[in-house]
Amino acid sequence: GTAAPHLRVRVVGAGHCDAESPSDNLCPTLCGQGDPSTSYLFRRYAVSFLGCVLTGDPAYAPYVGGTGLDTDIAMNRVADLSRLAA
């Protein structure tokens, strides 16, 4: 395995291409439709996790196991949270 920290979330209602920003017409045609309005969640968690790991900046903590993540789970924006042991 990899060293801690670990964070894995699934963006509810998103498709494979929704992580692309901007996307193109080819990806949804080949991979299926999702919900492009969820793209901000991919950015939120990617930036927060990398910012937390690379800089240790506590401003990112709410989305890396904190209240922001809890709120997104409660609002059914993200699901399948897995906290893996180191």
PDB file of N, CA and C in Angstrom:
ATOM      1  N   GLY A   1       0.804  -1.177   0.000  1.00  0.00           N
ATOM      2  CA  GLY A   1       0.000   0.000   0.000  1.00  0.00           C
ATOM      3  C   GLY A   1       0.863   1.263   0.000  1.00  0.00           C
ATOM      4  N   THR A   2       0.197   2.340   0.024  1.00  0.00           N
ATOM      5  CA  THR A   2       0.860   3.638   0.053  1.00  0.00           C
ATOM      6  C   THR A   2       0.825   4.202   1.462  1.00  0.00           C
ATOM      7  N   ALA A   3       1.653   5.180   1.705  1.00  0.00           N
ATOM      8  CA  ALA A   3       1.690   5.822   3.012  1.00  0.00           C
ATOM      9  C   ALA A   3       0.439   6.669   3.214  1.00  0.00           C
ATOM     10  N   ALA A   4       0.070   6.860   4.482  1.00  0.00           N
ATOM     11  CA  ALA A   4      -1.080   7.720   4.810  1.00  0.00           C
ATOM     12  C   ALA A   4      -0.750   9.145   4.421  1.00  0.00           C
ATOM     13  N   PRO A   5      -1.676   9.992   4.150  1.00  0.00           N
ATOM     14  CA  PRO A   5      -3.117   9.801   4.315  1.00  0.00           C
ATOM     15  C   PRO A   5      -3.750   9.200   3.080  1.00  0.00           C
ATOM     16  N   HIS A   6      -4.939   8.650   3.268  1.00  0.00           N
ATOM     17  CA  HIS A   6      -5.733   8.074   2.188  1.00  0.00           C
ATOM     18  C   HIS A   6      -7.108   8.715   2.206  1.00  0.00           C
ATOM     19  N   LEU A   7      -7.667   8.947   1.050  1.00  0.00           N
ATOM     20  CA  LEU A   7      -9.023   9.463   0.944  1.00  0.00           C
ATOM     21  C   LEU A   7      -9.593   8.979  -0.375  1.00  0.00           C
ATOM     22  N   ARG A   8     -10.807   8.403  -0.312  1.00  0.00           N
ATOM     23  CA  ARG A   8     -11.456   7.957  -1.541  1.00  0.00           C
ATOM     24  C   ARG A   8     -12.934   8.311  -1.442  1.00  0.00           C
ATOM     25  N   VAL A   9     -13.394   9.079  -2.387  1.00  0.00           N
ATOM     26  CA  VAL A   9     -14.811   9.436  -2.450  1.00  0.00           C
ATOM     27  C   VAL A   9     -15.308   9.192  -3.866  1.00  0.00           C
ATOM     28  N   ARG A  10     -16.597   8.929  -3.967  1.00  0.00           N
ATOM     29  CA  ARG A  10     -17.259   8.801  -5.265  1.00  0.00           C
ATOM     30  C   ARG A  10     -18.236   9.966  -5.363  1.00  0.00           C
ATOM     31  N   VAL A  11     -18.171  10.695  -6.447  1.00  0.00           N
ATOM     32  CA  VAL A  11     -19.070  11.822  -6.660  1.00  0.00           C
ATOM     33  C   VAL A  11     -20.397  11.266  -7.160  1.00  0.00           C
ATOM     34  N   VAL A  12     -21.452  11.491  -6.388  1.00  0.00           N
ATOM     35  CA  VAL A  12     -22.776  10.950  -6.684  1.00  0.00           C
ATOM     36  C   VAL A  12     -23.306  11.559  -7.985  1.00  0.00           C
ATOM     37  N   GLY A  13     -23.756  10.696  -8.886  1.00  0.00           N
ATOM     38  CA  GLY A  13     -24.361  11.133 -10.134  1.00  0.00           C
ATOM     39  C   GLY A  13     -23.379  11.502 -11.229  1.00  0.00           C
ATOM     40  N   ALA A  14     -22.097  11.464 -10.927  1.00  0.00           N
ATOM     41  CA  ALA A  14     -21.090  11.849 -11.915  1.00  0.00           C
ATOM     42  C   ALA A  14     -20.798  10.695 -12.867  1.00  0.00           C
ATOM     43  N   GLY A  15     -20.387  11.048 -14.052  1.00  0.00           N
ATOM     44  CA  GLY A  15     -19.939  10.073 -15.026  1.00  0.00           C
ATOM     45  C   GLY A  15     -18.429  10.160 -15.170  1.00  0.00           C
ATOM     46  N   HIS A  16     -17.900   9.264 -15.932  1.00  0.00           N
ATOM     47  CA  HIS A  16     -16.459   9.172 -16.144  1.00  0.00           C
ATOM     48  C   HIS A  16     -15.863  10.494 -16.638  1.00  0.00           C
ATOM     49  N   CYS A  17     -16.570  11.187 -17.483  1.00  0.00           N
ATOM     50  CA  CYS A  17     -16.033  12.400 -18.116  1.00  0.00           C
ATOM     51  C   CYS A  17     -16.194  13.658 -17.273  1.00  0.00           C
ATOM     52  N   ASP A  18     -16.975  13.584 -16.219  1.00  0.00           N
ATOM     53  CA  ASP A  18     -17.254  14.783 -15.429  1.00  0.00           C
ATOM     54  C   ASP A  18     -16.030  15.301 -14.681  1.00  0.00           C
ATOM     55  N   ALA A  19     -15.030  14.482 -14.543  1.00  0.00           N
ATOM     56  CA  ALA A  19     -13.789  14.936 -13.901  1.00  0.00           C
ATOM     57  C   ALA A  19     -12.992  15.850 -14.829  1.00  0.00           C
ATOM     58  N   GLU A  20     -13.297  15.808 -16.120  1.00  0.00           N
ATOM     59  CA  GLU A  20     -12.625  16.677 -17.084  1.00  0.00           C
ATOM     60  C   GLU A  20     -13.256  18.063 -17.050  1.00  0.00           C
ATOM     61  N   SER A  21     -12.424  19.055 -17.039  1.00  0.00           N
ATOM     62  CA  SER A  21     -12.952  20.421 -17.058  1.00  0.00           C
ATOM     63  C   SER A  21     -11.968  21.319 -17.770  1.00  0.00           C
ATOM     64  N   PRO A  22     -12.260  21.750 -18.956  1.00  0.00           N
ATOM     65  CA  PRO A  22     -13.467  21.452 -19.720  1.00  0.00           C
ATOM     66  C   PRO A  22     -13.362  20.087 -20.383  1.00  0.00           C
ATOM     67  N   SER A  23     -14.504  19.548 -20.729  1.00  0.00           N
ATOM     68  CA  SER A  23     -14.561  18.279 -21.439  1.00  0.00           C
ATOM     69  C   SER A  23     -14.809  18.560 -22.910  1.00  0.00           C
ATOM     70  N   ASP A  24     -14.984  17.514 -23.655  1.00  0.00           N
ATOM     71  CA  ASP A  24     -15.299  17.652 -25.073  1.00  0.00           C
ATOM     72  C   ASP A  24     -16.526  16.792 -25.364  1.00  0.00           C
ATOM     73  N   ASN A  25     -16.960  16.771 -26.597  1.00  0.00           N
ATOM     74  CA  ASN A  25     -18.129  15.967 -26.957  1.00  0.00           C
ATOM     75  C   ASN A  25     -17.798  14.498 -27.144  1.00  0.00           C
ATOM     76  N   LEU A  26     -16.539  14.168 -27.344  1.00  0.00           N
ATOM     77  CA  LEU A  26     -16.150  12.790 -27.615  1.00  0.00           C
ATOM     78  C   LEU A  26     -16.278  11.913 -26.369  1.00  0.00           C
ATOM     79  N   CYS A  27     -15.808  12.384 -25.239  1.00  0.00           N
ATOM     80  CA  CYS A  27     -15.824  11.565 -24.027  1.00  0.00           C
ATOM     81  C   CYS A  27     -17.232  11.111 -23.658  1.00  0.00           C
ATOM     82  N   PRO A  28     -18.223  12.004 -23.534  1.00  0.00           N
ATOM     83  CA  PRO A  28     -19.571  11.534 -23.193  1.00  0.00           C
ATOM     84  C   PRO A  28     -20.158  10.586 -24.236  1.00  0.00           C
ATOM     85  N   THR A  29     -19.782  10.770 -25.488  1.00  0.00           N
ATOM     86  CA  THR A  29     -20.281   9.884 -26.540  1.00  0.00           C
ATOM     87  C   THR A  29     -19.754   8.472 -26.338  1.00  0.00           C
ATOM     88  N   LEU A  30     -18.491   8.353 -25.968  1.00  0.00           N
ATOM     89  CA  LEU A  30     -17.874   7.039 -25.792  1.00  0.00           C
ATOM     90  C   LEU A  30     -18.089   6.450 -24.408  1.00  0.00           C
ATOM     91  N   CYS A  31     -18.174   7.300 -23.387  1.00  0.00           N
ATOM     92  CA  CYS A  31     -18.208   6.813 -22.000  1.00  0.00           C
ATOM     93  C   CYS A  31     -19.562   6.976 -21.318  1.00  0.00           C
ATOM     94  N   GLY A  32     -20.488   7.647 -21.952  1.00  0.00           N
ATOM     95  CA  GLY A  32     -21.808   7.835 -21.363  1.00  0.00           C
ATOM     96  C   GLY A  32     -21.935   9.162 -20.636  1.00  0.00           C
ATOM     97  N   GLN A  33     -23.168   9.562 -20.457  1.00  0.00           N
ATOM     98  CA  GLN A  33     -23.473  10.829 -19.807  1.00  0.00           C
ATOM     99  C   GLN A  33     -23.353  10.705 -18.299  1.00  0.00           C
ATOM    100  N   GLY A  34     -22.950  11.756 -17.682  1.00  0.00           N
ATOM    101  CA  GLY A  34     -22.952  11.881 -16.238  1.00  0.00           C
ATOM    102  C   GLY A  34     -23.691  13.155 -15.900  1.00  0.00           C
ATOM    103  N   ASP A  35     -23.088  13.956 -15.053  1.00  0.00           N
ATOM    104  CA  ASP A  35     -23.668  15.242 -14.688  1.00  0.00           C
ATOM    105  C   ASP A  35     -22.539  16.250 -14.606  1.00  0.00           C
ATOM    106  N   PRO A  36     -22.301  17.011 -15.685  1.00  0.00           N
ATOM    107  CA  PRO A  36     -21.189  17.964 -15.704  1.00  0.00           C
ATOM    108  C   PRO A  36     -21.240  18.996 -14.578  1.00  0.00           C
ATOM    109  N   SER A  37     -22.410  19.204 -13.961  1.00  0.00           N
ATOM    110  CA  SER A  37     -22.481  20.160 -12.858  1.00  0.00           C
ATOM    111  C   SER A  37     -21.749  19.650 -11.615  1.00  0.00           C
ATOM    112  N   THR A  38     -21.295  18.398 -11.627  1.00  0.00           N
ATOM    113  CA  THR A  38     -20.544  17.855 -10.495  1.00  0.00           C
ATOM    114  C   THR A  38     -19.038  18.090 -10.616  1.00  0.00           C
ATOM    115  N   SER A  39     -18.581  18.690 -11.702  1.00  0.00           N
ATOM    116  CA  SER A  39     -17.141  18.883 -11.921  1.00  0.00           C
ATOM    117  C   SER A  39     -16.458  19.604 -10.764  1.00  0.00           C
ATOM    118  N   TYR A  40     -17.158  20.547 -10.139  1.00  0.00           N
ATOM    119  CA  TYR A  40     -16.548  21.287  -9.035  1.00  0.00           C
ATOM    120  C   TYR A  40     -16.169  20.369  -7.869  1.00  0.00           C
ATOM    121  N   LEU A  41     -16.902  19.275  -7.691  1.00  0.00           N
ATOM    122  CA  LEU A  41     -16.578  18.364  -6.602  1.00  0.00           C
ATOM    123  C   LEU A  41     -15.267  17.632  -6.859  1.00  0.00           C
ATOM    124  N   PHE A  42     -14.995  17.293  -8.103  1.00  0.00           N
ATOM    125  CA  PHE A  42     -13.712  16.664  -8.433  1.00  0.00           C
ATOM    126  C   PHE A  42     -12.574  17.626  -8.116  1.00  0.00           C
ATOM    127  N   ARG A  43     -12.733  18.887  -8.499  1.00  0.00           N
ATOM    128  CA  ARG A  43     -11.708  19.897  -8.197  1.00  0.00           C
ATOM    129  C   ARG A  43     -11.569  20.083  -6.692  1.00  0.00           C
ATOM    130  N   ARG A  44     -12.705  20.172  -5.993  1.00  0.00           N
ATOM    131  CA  ARG A  44     -12.687  20.384  -4.540  1.00  0.00           C
ATOM    132  C   ARG A  44     -11.839  19.327  -3.849  1.00  0.00           C
ATOM    133  N   TYR A  45     -12.072  18.068  -4.154  1.00  0.00           N
ATOM    134  CA  TYR A  45     -11.375  17.003  -3.448  1.00  0.00           C
ATOM    135  C   TYR A  45      -9.951  16.796  -3.942  1.00  0.00           C
ATOM    136  N   ALA A  46      -9.713  16.981  -5.212  1.00  0.00           N
ATOM    137  CA  ALA A  46      -8.338  16.858  -5.713  1.00  0.00           C
ATOM    138  C   ALA A  46      -7.453  17.962  -5.147  1.00  0.00           C
ATOM    139  N   VAL A  47      -7.926  19.193  -5.202  1.00  0.00           N
ATOM    140  CA  VAL A  47      -7.141  20.324  -4.695  1.00  0.00           C
ATOM    141  C   VAL A  47      -6.969  20.219  -3.187  1.00  0.00           C
ATOM    142  N   SER A  48      -8.031  19.881  -2.484  1.00  0.00           N
ATOM    143  CA  SER A  48      -7.949  19.786  -1.026  1.00  0.00           C
ATOM    144  C   SER A  48      -6.984  18.705  -0.591  1.00  0.00           C
ATOM    145  N   PHE A  49      -7.082  17.538  -1.194  1.00  0.00           N
ATOM    146  CA  PHE A  49      -6.192  16.446  -0.794  1.00  0.00           C
ATOM    147  C   PHE A  49      -4.748  16.782  -1.108  1.00  0.00           C
ATOM    148  N   LEU A  50      -4.485  17.251  -2.322  1.00  0.00           N
ATOM    149  CA  LEU A  50      -3.108  17.586  -2.683  1.00  0.00           C
ATOM    150  C   LEU A  50      -2.581  18.753  -1.852  1.00  0.00           C
ATOM    151  N   GLY A  51      -3.410  19.756  -1.619  1.00  0.00           N
ATOM    152  CA  GLY A  51      -2.982  20.884  -0.802  1.00  0.00           C
ATOM    153  C   GLY A  51      -2.659  20.468   0.615  1.00  0.00           C
ATOM    154  N   CYS A  52      -3.457  19.586   1.156  1.00  0.00           N
ATOM    155  CA  CYS A  52      -3.220  19.094   2.509  1.00  0.00           C
ATOM    156  C   CYS A  52      -1.924  18.290   2.578  1.00  0.00           C
ATOM    157  N   VAL A  53      -1.754  17.382   1.638  1.00  0.00           N
ATOM    158  CA  VAL A  53      -0.581  16.513   1.640  1.00  0.00           C
ATOM    159  C   VAL A  53       0.696  17.285   1.312  1.00  0.00           C
ATOM    160  N   LEU A  54       0.634  18.140   0.301  1.00  0.00           N
ATOM    161  CA  LEU A  54       1.854  18.808  -0.161  1.00  0.00           C
ATOM    162  C   LEU A  54       2.251  20.015   0.672  1.00  0.00           C
ATOM    163  N   THR A  55       1.269  20.729   1.212  1.00  0.00           N
ATOM    164  CA  THR A  55       1.607  21.949   1.944  1.00  0.00           C
ATOM    165  C   THR A  55       1.280  21.883   3.424  1.00  0.00           C
ATOM    166  N   GLY A  56       0.425  20.935   3.814  1.00  0.00           N
ATOM    167  CA  GLY A  56       0.010  20.853   5.203  1.00  0.00           C
ATOM    168  C   GLY A  56      -0.875  22.009   5.636  1.00  0.00           C
ATOM    169  N   ASP A  57      -1.396  22.756   4.684  1.00  0.00           N
ATOM    170  CA  ASP A  57      -2.226  23.921   4.976  1.00  0.00           C
ATOM    171  C   ASP A  57      -3.552  23.464   5.599  1.00  0.00           C
ATOM    172  N   PRO A  58      -3.849  23.905   6.825  1.00  0.00           N
ATOM    173  CA  PRO A  58      -5.085  23.474   7.486  1.00  0.00           C
ATOM    174  C   PRO A  58      -6.360  23.979   6.805  1.00  0.00           C
ATOM    175  N   ALA A  59      -6.252  24.923   5.886  1.00  0.00           N
ATOM    176  CA  ALA A  59      -7.428  25.411   5.175  1.00  0.00           C
ATOM    177  C   ALA A  59      -8.085  24.315   4.340  1.00  0.00           C
ATOM    178  N   TYR A  60      -7.311  23.296   3.978  1.00  0.00           N
ATOM    179  CA  TYR A  60      -7.845  22.199   3.169  1.00  0.00           C
ATOM    180  C   TYR A  60      -8.497  21.102   4.011  1.00  0.00           C
ATOM    181  N   ALA A  61      -8.275  21.107   5.300  1.00  0.00           N
ATOM    182  CA  ALA A  61      -8.717  20.031   6.187  1.00  0.00           C
ATOM    183  C   ALA A  61     -10.216  19.742   6.158  1.00  0.00           C
ATOM    184  N   PRO A  62     -11.100  20.738   5.995  1.00  0.00           N
ATOM    185  CA  PRO A  62     -12.529  20.411   6.012  1.00  0.00           C
ATOM    186  C   PRO A  62     -12.941  19.361   4.983  1.00  0.00           C
ATOM    187  N   TYR A  63     -12.231  19.276   3.882  1.00  0.00           N
ATOM    188  CA  TYR A  63     -12.587  18.314   2.846  1.00  0.00           C
ATOM    189  C   TYR A  63     -11.700  17.074   2.855  1.00  0.00           C
ATOM    190  N   VAL A  64     -10.821  16.990   3.814  1.00  0.00           N
ATOM    191  CA  VAL A  64      -9.967  15.810   3.958  1.00  0.00           C
ATOM    192  C   VAL A  64     -10.251  15.220   5.343  1.00  0.00           C
ATOM    193  N   GLY A  65     -11.442  14.657   5.475  1.00  0.00           N
ATOM    194  CA  GLY A  65     -11.831  14.038   6.724  1.00  0.00           C
ATOM    195  C   GLY A  65     -12.459  14.978   7.730  1.00  0.00           C
ATOM    196  N   GLY A  66     -12.892  16.157   7.296  1.00  0.00           N
ATOM    197  CA  GLY A  66     -13.467  17.135   8.214  1.00  0.00           C
ATOM    198  C   GLY A  66     -14.925  17.432   7.938  1.00  0.00           C
ATOM    199  N   THR A  67     -15.353  18.584   8.401  1.00  0.00           N
ATOM    200  CA  THR A  67     -16.762  18.958   8.332  1.00  0.00           C
ATOM    201  C   THR A  67     -17.270  19.172   6.903  1.00  0.00           C
ATOM    202  N   GLY A  68     -16.420  19.649   6.017  1.00  0.00           N
ATOM    203  CA  GLY A  68     -16.837  19.827   4.620  1.00  0.00           C
ATOM    204  C   GLY A  68     -17.157  18.496   3.972  1.00  0.00           C
ATOM    205  N   LEU A  69     -16.323  17.508   4.229  1.00  0.00           N
ATOM    206  CA  LEU A  69     -16.565  16.159   3.714  1.00  0.00           C
ATOM    207  C   LEU A  69     -17.841  15.589   4.324  1.00  0.00           C
ATOM    208  N   ASP A  70     -17.999  15.750   5.626  1.00  0.00           N
ATOM    209  CA  ASP A  70     -19.207  15.255   6.291  1.00  0.00           C
ATOM    210  C   ASP A  70     -20.464  15.894   5.701  1.00  0.00           C
ATOM    211  N   THR A  71     -20.405  17.190   5.429  1.00  0.00           N
ATOM    212  CA  THR A  71     -21.546  17.884   4.840  1.00  0.00           C
ATOM    213  C   THR A  71     -21.844  17.361   3.447  1.00  0.00           C
ATOM    214  N   ASP A  72     -20.804  17.174   2.627  1.00  0.00           N
ATOM    215  CA  ASP A  72     -21.011  16.648   1.273  1.00  0.00           C
ATOM    216  C   ASP A  72     -21.599  15.250   1.306  1.00  0.00           C
ATOM    217  N   ILE A  73     -21.212  14.436   2.281  1.00  0.00           N
ATOM    218  CA  ILE A  73     -21.791  13.098   2.424  1.00  0.00           C
ATOM    219  C   ILE A  73     -23.253  13.223   2.837  1.00  0.00           C
ATOM    220  N   ALA A  74     -23.548  14.059   3.830  1.00  0.00           N
ATOM    221  CA  ALA A  74     -24.925  14.240   4.312  1.00  0.00           C
ATOM    222  C   ALA A  74     -25.827  14.803   3.222  1.00  0.00           C
ATOM    223  N   MET A  75     -25.280  15.650   2.349  1.00  0.00           N
ATOM    224  CA  MET A  75     -26.069  16.249   1.263  1.00  0.00           C
ATOM    225  C   MET A  75     -26.109  15.344   0.030  1.00  0.00           C
ATOM    226  N   ASN A  76     -25.533  14.136   0.134  1.00  0.00           N
ATOM    227  CA  ASN A  76     -25.496  13.156  -0.950  1.00  0.00           C
ATOM    228  C   ASN A  76     -24.768  13.677  -2.182  1.00  0.00           C
ATOM    229  N   ARG A  77     -23.733  14.475  -1.962  1.00  0.00           N
ATOM    230  CA  ARG A  77     -22.886  14.936  -3.062  1.00  0.00           C
ATOM    231  C   ARG A  77     -21.766  13.930  -3.336  1.00  0.00           C
ATOM    232  N   VAL A  78     -21.231  13.362  -2.268  1.00  0.00           N
ATOM    233  CA  VAL A  78     -20.207  12.325  -2.396  1.00  0.00           C
ATOM    234  C   VAL A  78     -20.623  11.132  -1.540  1.00  0.00           C
ATOM    235  N   ALA A  79     -20.106   9.964  -1.903  1.00  0.00           N
ATOM    236  CA  ALA A  79     -20.440   8.743  -1.201  1.00  0.00           C
ATOM    237  C   ALA A  79     -19.237   7.818  -1.191  1.00  0.00           C
ATOM    238  N   ASP A  80     -19.419   6.683  -0.549  1.00  0.00           N
ATOM    239  CA  ASP A  80     -18.400   5.631  -0.518  1.00  0.00           C
ATOM    240  C   ASP A  80     -17.075   6.129   0.052  1.00  0.00           C
ATOM    241  N   LEU A  81     -17.129   6.821   1.131  1.00  0.00           N
ATOM    242  CA  LEU A  81     -15.923   7.271   1.805  1.00  0.00           C
ATOM    243  C   LEU A  81     -15.203   6.051   2.356  1.00  0.00           C
ATOM    244  N   SER A  82     -13.937   5.919   2.022  1.00  0.00           N
ATOM    245  CA  SER A  82     -13.131   4.814   2.546  1.00  0.00           C
ATOM    246  C   SER A  82     -11.872   5.389   3.168  1.00  0.00           C
ATOM    247  N   ARG A  83     -11.741   5.208   4.434  1.00  0.00           N
ATOM    248  CA  ARG A  83     -10.510   5.614   5.129  1.00  0.00           C
ATOM    249  C   ARG A  83      -9.690   4.350   5.303  1.00  0.00           C
ATOM    250  N   LEU A  84      -8.615   4.289   4.547  1.00  0.00           N
ATOM    251  CA  LEU A  84      -7.766   3.097   4.562  1.00  0.00           C
ATOM    252  C   LEU A  84      -6.684   3.242   5.613  1.00  0.00           C
ATOM    253  N   ALA A  85      -6.385   2.170   6.265  1.00  0.00           N
ATOM    254  CA  ALA A  85      -5.298   2.181   7.262  1.00  0.00           C
ATOM    255  C   ALA A  85      -3.967   2.310   6.552  1.00  0.00           C
ATOM    256  N   ALA A  86      -3.053   2.962   7.209  1.00  0.00           N
ATOM    257  CA  ALA A  86      -1.706   3.154   6.639  1.00  0.00           C
ATOM    258  C   ALA A  86      -0.982   1.837   6.517  1.00  0.00           C
TER     259      ALA A  86
END
